[in-house]
């Protein structure tokens, strides 16, 4: 079972930036996809960004042009660079890693992001 450890969350003002990190316990080449999801209070968990093994990325419409997902295959880490943050980006952000396109995958413990003045 892979271990995923997120870090980088915190409190930031609107318009600010944060970079989240997700460190995997093994090689990220083992995974078909890795992604970031978020869950705001009272809402369902939603997809934020995905990166597929070949490098293809997908983003939720609400974050396109502001967030960038990337990976470091040496450090076995996936990142989420978040720019131009808005209050509605406030949520717990979770990292997910899956070995196949239809498998649910493993989850990290989450990291809180709060965007507020």
C-alpha atoms as a PDB file:
ATOM      1  CA  UNK A   1       0.000   0.000   0.000  1.00  0.00           C
ATOM      2  CA  UNK A   2       1.490   3.300  -1.069  1.00  0.00           C
ATOM      3  CA  UNK A   3       1.878   6.077   1.453  1.00  0.00           C
ATOM      4  CA  UNK A   4       1.094   9.605   0.265  1.00  0.00           C
ATOM      5  CA  UNK A   5       2.076  12.595   2.378  1.00  0.00           C
ATOM      6  CA  UNK A   6       0.786  16.044   1.468  1.00  0.00           C
ATOM      7  CA  UNK A   7       2.324  19.295   2.611  1.00  0.00           C
ATOM      8  CA  UNK A   8       2.324  22.983   1.744  1.00  0.00           C
ATOM      9  CA  UNK A   9      -1.135  24.064   2.831  1.00  0.00           C
ATOM     10  CA  UNK A  10      -1.809  27.132   4.895  1.00  0.00           C
ATOM     11  CA  UNK A  11      -3.508  30.498   5.122  1.00  0.00           C
ATOM     12  CA  UNK A  12      -3.076  32.881   2.197  1.00  0.00           C
ATOM     13  CA  UNK A  13      -4.720  36.121   1.126  1.00  0.00           C
ATOM     14  CA  UNK A  14      -6.850  36.293  -2.014  1.00  0.00           C
ATOM     15  CA  UNK A  15      -4.615  36.639  -5.049  1.00  0.00           C
ATOM     16  CA  UNK A  16      -1.778  34.819  -3.331  1.00  0.00           C
ATOM     17  CA  UNK A  17      -0.015  31.580  -4.187  1.00  0.00           C
ATOM     18  CA  UNK A  18       0.755  28.250  -2.561  1.00  0.00           C
ATOM     19  CA  UNK A  19       2.518  25.109  -3.718  1.00  0.00           C
ATOM     20  CA  UNK A  20       1.290  21.773  -2.449  1.00  0.00           C
ATOM     21  CA  UNK A  21       3.495  18.687  -2.456  1.00  0.00           C
ATOM     22  CA  UNK A  22       2.549  15.019  -2.400  1.00  0.00           C
ATOM     23  CA  UNK A  23       5.416  12.671  -1.612  1.00  0.00           C
ATOM     24  CA  UNK A  24       4.884   9.004  -2.489  1.00  0.00           C
ATOM     25  CA  UNK A  25       6.570   6.146  -0.645  1.00  0.00           C
ATOM     26  CA  UNK A  26       7.496   4.441  -3.898  1.00  0.00           C
ATOM     27  CA  UNK A  27       8.150   5.228  -7.521  1.00  0.00           C
ATOM     28  CA  UNK A  28       5.410   7.321  -9.050  1.00  0.00           C
ATOM     29  CA  UNK A  29       5.949   5.406 -12.289  1.00  0.00           C
ATOM     30  CA  UNK A  30       3.949   2.653 -10.594  1.00  0.00           C
ATOM     31  CA  UNK A  31       0.819   4.769 -10.973  1.00  0.00           C
ATOM     32  CA  UNK A  32      -1.322   5.275 -14.020  1.00  0.00           C
ATOM     33  CA  UNK A  33      -2.480   8.629 -12.654  1.00  0.00           C
ATOM     34  CA  UNK A  34      -1.889  10.947  -9.772  1.00  0.00           C
ATOM     35  CA  UNK A  35      -4.087  13.826  -8.859  1.00  0.00           C
ATOM     36  CA  UNK A  36      -5.271  16.458  -6.481  1.00  0.00           C
ATOM     37  CA  UNK A  37      -8.805  16.630  -5.148  1.00  0.00           C
ATOM     38  CA  UNK A  38     -10.389  19.013  -2.677  1.00  0.00           C
ATOM     39  CA  UNK A  39     -13.284  19.012  -0.283  1.00  0.00           C
ATOM     40  CA  UNK A  40     -14.830  22.155   1.135  1.00  0.00           C
ATOM     41  CA  UNK A  41     -17.070  22.069   4.225  1.00  0.00           C
ATOM     42  CA  UNK A  42     -20.497  20.693   3.367  1.00  0.00           C
ATOM     43  CA  UNK A  43     -19.483  19.804  -0.174  1.00  0.00           C
ATOM     44  CA  UNK A  44     -18.453  16.651  -1.992  1.00  0.00           C
ATOM     45  CA  UNK A  45     -14.839  15.921  -2.812  1.00  0.00           C
ATOM     46  CA  UNK A  46     -14.042  17.167  -6.303  1.00  0.00           C
ATOM     47  CA  UNK A  47     -11.256  16.713  -8.808  1.00  0.00           C
ATOM     48  CA  UNK A  48      -8.825  19.621  -9.094  1.00  0.00           C
ATOM     49  CA  UNK A  49      -6.073  18.315 -11.375  1.00  0.00           C
ATOM     50  CA  UNK A  50      -4.711  15.046 -12.755  1.00  0.00           C
ATOM     51  CA  UNK A  51      -1.464  13.981 -14.332  1.00  0.00           C
ATOM     52  CA  UNK A  52      -1.394  10.749 -16.300  1.00  0.00           C
ATOM     53  CA  UNK A  53       1.673   8.506 -16.586  1.00  0.00           C
ATOM     54  CA  UNK A  54       2.536   9.803 -20.069  1.00  0.00           C
ATOM     55  CA  UNK A  55       2.406  13.392 -18.844  1.00  0.00           C
ATOM     56  CA  UNK A  56      -1.077  14.427 -19.945  1.00  0.00           C
ATOM     57  CA  UNK A  57      -2.768  16.793 -17.515  1.00  0.00           C
ATOM     58  CA  UNK A  58      -6.402  17.610 -16.839  1.00  0.00           C
ATOM     59  CA  UNK A  59      -7.892  20.403 -14.763  1.00  0.00           C
ATOM     60  CA  UNK A  60     -11.232  21.362 -13.332  1.00  0.00           C
ATOM     61  CA  UNK A  61     -12.680  24.340 -15.199  1.00  0.00           C
ATOM     62  CA  UNK A  62     -12.647  26.380 -11.999  1.00  0.00           C
ATOM     63  CA  UNK A  63      -8.842  26.210 -11.725  1.00  0.00           C
ATOM     64  CA  UNK A  64      -7.714  26.269 -15.365  1.00  0.00           C
ATOM     65  CA  UNK A  65      -5.137  28.967 -15.965  1.00  0.00           C
ATOM     66  CA  UNK A  66      -4.470  29.365 -12.226  1.00  0.00           C
ATOM     67  CA  UNK A  67      -3.287  25.932 -11.031  1.00  0.00           C
ATOM     68  CA  UNK A  68      -0.538  23.731 -12.467  1.00  0.00           C
ATOM     69  CA  UNK A  69       0.101  20.086 -11.652  1.00  0.00           C
ATOM     70  CA  UNK A  70       3.600  18.721 -12.136  1.00  0.00           C
ATOM     71  CA  UNK A  71       5.788  15.864 -10.981  1.00  0.00           C
ATOM     72  CA  UNK A  72       9.377  15.093 -10.053  1.00  0.00           C
ATOM     73  CA  UNK A  73      10.117  11.460 -10.862  1.00  0.00           C
ATOM     74  CA  UNK A  74      13.421  11.565  -8.966  1.00  0.00           C
ATOM     75  CA  UNK A  75      11.790  12.780  -5.754  1.00  0.00           C
ATOM     76  CA  UNK A  76       8.614  10.716  -6.362  1.00  0.00           C
ATOM     77  CA  UNK A  77       6.624  13.841  -5.680  1.00  0.00           C
ATOM     78  CA  UNK A  78       3.666  15.502  -7.362  1.00  0.00           C
ATOM     79  CA  UNK A  79       3.084  19.222  -6.968  1.00  0.00           C
ATOM     80  CA  UNK A  80       0.146  21.578  -7.298  1.00  0.00           C
ATOM     81  CA  UNK A  81       1.142  25.182  -7.914  1.00  0.00           C
ATOM     82  CA  UNK A  82      -1.803  27.389  -7.055  1.00  0.00           C
ATOM     83  CA  UNK A  83      -1.791  31.018  -8.180  1.00  0.00           C
ATOM     84  CA  UNK A  84      -4.399  33.787  -8.035  1.00  0.00           C
ATOM     85  CA  UNK A  85      -6.112  32.015  -5.170  1.00  0.00           C
ATOM     86  CA  UNK A  86      -9.720  32.839  -4.395  1.00  0.00           C
ATOM     87  CA  UNK A  87     -11.774  32.362  -1.222  1.00  0.00           C
ATOM     88  CA  UNK A  88     -13.709  29.633  -3.013  1.00  0.00           C
ATOM     89  CA  UNK A  89     -10.481  27.619  -3.282  1.00  0.00           C
ATOM     90  CA  UNK A  90     -10.626  27.106   0.487  1.00  0.00           C
ATOM     91  CA  UNK A  91     -10.769  23.361   1.170  1.00  0.00           C
ATOM     92  CA  UNK A  92      -8.842  20.358   2.358  1.00  0.00           C
ATOM     93  CA  UNK A  93      -6.693  19.213  -0.561  1.00  0.00           C
ATOM     94  CA  UNK A  94      -6.021  15.499  -0.986  1.00  0.00           C
ATOM     95  CA  UNK A  95      -3.497  13.661  -3.110  1.00  0.00           C
ATOM     96  CA  UNK A  96      -4.576  10.495  -4.918  1.00  0.00           C
ATOM     97  CA  UNK A  97      -2.562   7.836  -6.724  1.00  0.00           C
ATOM     98  CA  UNK A  98      -4.113   5.052  -8.801  1.00  0.00           C
ATOM     99  CA  UNK A  99      -2.595   2.131 -10.680  1.00  0.00           C
ATOM    100  CA  UNK A 100      -5.314   2.022 -13.324  1.00  0.00           C
ATOM    101  CA  UNK A 101      -7.790   4.322 -15.082  1.00  0.00           C
ATOM    102  CA  UNK A 102     -10.777   2.919 -13.209  1.00  0.00           C
ATOM    103  CA  UNK A 103      -9.249   2.105  -9.838  1.00  0.00           C
ATOM    104  CA  UNK A 104     -10.051   4.381  -6.891  1.00  0.00           C
ATOM    105  CA  UNK A 105      -6.442   4.552  -5.753  1.00  0.00           C
ATOM    106  CA  UNK A 106      -4.890   5.566  -2.447  1.00  0.00           C
ATOM    107  CA  UNK A 107      -5.354   8.820  -0.576  1.00  0.00           C
ATOM    108  CA  UNK A 108      -3.178  11.035   1.521  1.00  0.00           C
ATOM    109  CA  UNK A 109      -4.290  12.570   4.788  1.00  0.00           C
ATOM    110  CA  UNK A 110      -5.044  15.973   3.276  1.00  0.00           C
ATOM    111  CA  UNK A 111      -3.728  19.468   3.773  1.00  0.00           C
ATOM    112  CA  UNK A 112      -5.843  22.517   4.599  1.00  0.00           C
ATOM    113  CA  UNK A 113      -5.808  25.518   2.289  1.00  0.00           C
ATOM    114  CA  UNK A 114      -7.559  28.639   3.510  1.00  0.00           C
ATOM    115  CA  UNK A 115      -7.869  31.733   1.326  1.00  0.00           C
ATOM    116  CA  UNK A 116      -8.992  34.699   3.369  1.00  0.00           C
ATOM    117  CA  UNK A 117      -8.152  38.314   4.016  1.00  0.00           C
END
